[in-house]
Every structure is written in structure tokens, then in C-alpha cells.
Amino acid sequence: MDTRTREEKNLEIFTLNPGVSFIYVTSDDKAFFDENKAESNAGSLSDTMIERYKRPTGEAIEALDKDVLESLKKEYKEKSGKPAHHTWDVTTIQEKLNALETSEPEQPEDNATEDDLEPGESEQDDSDKD
């Protein structure tokens, strides 16, 4: 369960979506960028309340920007085995992480096909070698 406060969640949403000025949150704690979509979702809930939040400014958003960036840099290093470039911003690292998640895993070397063999090589069982 997410234990963050609504304010912390909002700050993260605004940090990860720099072009967004407002978010709309329904009683089931779902956030929307479009008020009409929030209204549509709220219509299916027993509590139809929608809260509108404006992008924060100042130190709060700057502090969260740094926290999110450091967190994403750490995640990138864990998943790629390489550190994120020092000039990458939140959006760039997210794109790199998405690319890592959608890329196909490399085939293990022991599953080589004939196409992978060098000219003159043949597939042999390693147990035959002394």
C-alpha cells in the first residue's frame, strides 16, 4: 500500500510531468490531467468528489525534483549496470528505463544457433572434450 501523503503524490506527478499545470484527483485516489476524464471516473464512484490541484512552485518542487532524479539514477544503474550520464534529466532517464524494459533479453551463449557459429566451427557437446 502506498503510504505517501496526497501532497507527496502530487509533487511526484508534477515533477514527472513538467508540462502539467493542474491535476484532478477523484475519491478513489486516481489522478487525472483532464478534468472531463476525472468527472467520468468520479461518476462511477459512490463519492463523486473531485479535488483540483495546481502545480506547486518554489522549494517543494525543486527538492522533489532532486529526489526523483537521484532515485531514477539509482534505478537506472541497478537495471543497466551502468551509471546514468550526469547531464540526463528525469525525462531522459525515464525514457532510457522504458527502453530497457521493452528491449528483448539477450540469448544465453549456450543457445547459439548455426548462424552464430564462426566459419569452420561446428556445434559440439562440451562433455566430449578432455
Protein backbone atom coordinates (compact mmCIF):
# COMPACT_ATOMS: atom_id res chain seq x y z
CA MET A 1 0.00 0.00 0.00
CA ASP A 2 1.21 3.47 -0.87
CA THR A 3 1.82 5.34 2.39
CA ARG A 4 2.71 8.68 0.83
CA THR A 5 0.56 11.72 1.53
CA ARG A 6 -1.56 13.26 -1.21
CA GLU A 7 0.87 16.20 -1.28
CA GLU A 8 3.84 13.87 -1.86
CA LYS A 9 1.98 12.04 -4.63
CA ASN A 10 1.01 15.33 -6.25
CA LEU A 11 4.57 16.62 -6.13
CA GLU A 12 5.79 13.46 -7.82
CA ILE A 13 3.12 13.72 -10.53
CA PHE A 14 4.02 17.34 -11.24
CA THR A 15 7.75 16.55 -11.24
CA LEU A 16 7.36 13.69 -13.70
CA ASN A 17 5.04 15.75 -15.92
CA PRO A 18 6.61 19.20 -16.25
CA GLY A 19 4.03 20.49 -18.75
CA VAL A 20 1.05 19.86 -16.48
CA SER A 21 -0.45 22.83 -14.62
CA PHE A 22 -3.35 21.07 -12.86
CA ILE A 23 -4.30 17.58 -11.76
CA TYR A 24 -7.71 16.31 -10.75
CA VAL A 25 -7.94 13.63 -8.08
CA THR A 26 -11.04 11.51 -7.55
CA SER A 27 -12.14 9.94 -4.27
CA ASP A 28 -10.54 6.61 -5.24
CA ASP A 29 -7.17 8.43 -5.24
CA LYS A 30 -6.72 8.37 -9.03
CA ALA A 31 -5.14 11.44 -10.58
CA PHE A 32 -6.08 12.80 -13.99
CA PHE A 33 -4.67 15.57 -16.16
CA ASP A 34 -8.03 16.09 -17.86
CA GLU A 35 -10.99 17.27 -15.78
CA ASN A 36 -13.52 15.51 -18.03
CA LYS A 37 -11.79 12.17 -17.51
CA ALA A 38 -11.79 12.75 -13.76
CA GLU A 39 -15.51 13.54 -13.89
CA SER A 40 -16.15 10.37 -15.88
CA ASN A 41 -14.27 8.28 -13.33
CA ALA A 42 -15.95 10.03 -10.39
CA GLY A 43 -19.36 9.28 -11.89
CA SER A 44 -18.76 5.58 -11.28
CA LEU A 45 -17.89 6.08 -7.58
CA SER A 46 -20.12 6.43 -4.55
CA ASP A 47 -18.21 9.60 -3.58
CA THR A 48 -18.14 11.81 -6.68
CA MET A 49 -15.86 14.46 -5.14
CA ILE A 50 -13.02 15.71 -7.37
CA GLU A 51 -10.15 17.72 -5.93
CA ARG A 52 -8.24 20.09 -8.19
CA TYR A 53 -4.55 20.75 -7.50
CA LYS A 54 -2.38 23.45 -9.06
CA ARG A 55 1.30 22.89 -9.81
CA PRO A 56 3.36 23.93 -6.78
CA THR A 57 6.26 26.32 -7.16
CA GLY A 58 9.37 27.04 -5.21
CA GLU A 59 11.44 24.87 -2.93
CA ALA A 60 8.98 21.99 -2.58
CA ILE A 61 9.06 21.10 -6.27
CA GLU A 62 12.81 21.71 -6.56
CA ALA A 63 13.55 19.38 -3.63
CA LEU A 64 11.34 16.65 -5.06
CA ASP A 65 12.93 17.07 -8.50
CA LYS A 66 16.30 16.25 -6.96
CA ASP A 67 14.93 13.27 -5.01
CA VAL A 68 13.18 11.82 -8.05
CA LEU A 69 16.26 12.33 -10.22
CA GLU A 70 18.53 10.58 -7.71
CA SER A 71 16.04 7.73 -7.35
CA LEU A 72 15.83 7.26 -11.12
CA LYS A 73 19.63 7.39 -11.46
CA LYS A 74 19.90 4.62 -8.87
CA GLU A 75 17.23 2.53 -10.63
CA TYR A 76 18.97 3.00 -13.99
CA LYS A 77 22.30 1.83 -12.55
CA GLU A 78 20.65 -1.23 -10.98
CA LYS A 79 18.89 -2.22 -14.21
CA SER A 80 21.58 -1.35 -16.75
CA GLY A 81 24.73 -1.94 -14.74
CA LYS A 82 25.97 1.49 -15.85
CA PRO A 83 25.64 4.89 -14.17
CA ALA A 84 23.30 7.46 -15.72
CA HIS A 85 25.05 10.28 -17.53
CA HIS A 86 25.38 13.37 -15.34
CA THR A 87 23.56 15.54 -17.90
CA TRP A 88 20.44 13.33 -18.10
CA ASP A 89 17.26 14.77 -16.65
CA VAL A 90 14.22 12.93 -15.22
CA THR A 91 12.56 12.55 -18.62
CA THR A 92 15.69 11.19 -20.31
CA ILE A 93 16.29 8.61 -17.59
CA GLN A 94 12.65 7.52 -17.71
CA GLU A 95 12.95 7.04 -21.48
CA LYS A 96 16.14 5.00 -21.01
CA LEU A 97 14.47 2.85 -18.33
CA ASN A 98 11.44 2.28 -20.58
CA ALA A 99 13.77 1.23 -23.39
CA LEU A 100 15.50 -1.24 -21.07
CA GLU A 101 12.15 -2.74 -20.06
CA THR A 102 10.93 -3.14 -23.64
CA SER A 103 14.16 -4.48 -25.12
CA GLU A 104 14.43 -8.21 -25.66
CA PRO A 105 16.81 -10.03 -23.33
CA GLU A 106 19.95 -11.35 -24.95
CA GLN A 107 20.08 -15.06 -25.67
CA PRO A 108 22.48 -17.04 -23.47
CA GLU A 109 25.64 -18.11 -25.29
CA ASP A 110 24.94 -21.82 -24.81
CA ASN A 111 21.85 -21.41 -27.04
CA ALA A 112 23.91 -20.48 -30.09
CA THR A 113 22.45 -21.35 -33.45
CA GLU A 114 24.34 -22.32 -36.58
CA ASP A 115 24.08 -18.70 -37.71
CA ASP A 116 26.08 -17.68 -34.61
CA LEU A 117 28.98 -20.02 -35.34
CA GLU A 118 32.18 -18.82 -36.94
CA PRO A 119 33.09 -20.34 -40.32
CA GLY A 120 34.62 -23.79 -39.80
CA GLU A 121 33.05 -24.26 -36.34
CA SER A 122 30.53 -26.95 -35.60
CA GLU A 123 28.20 -27.46 -32.67
CA GLN A 124 29.77 -29.91 -30.22
CA ASP A 125 28.83 -31.04 -26.76
CA ASP A 126 31.43 -29.76 -24.29
CA SER A 127 31.30 -33.10 -22.45
CA ASP A 128 33.20 -34.74 -25.36
CA LYS A 129 36.22 -32.53 -24.75
CA ASP A 130 39.04 -33.67 -22.46
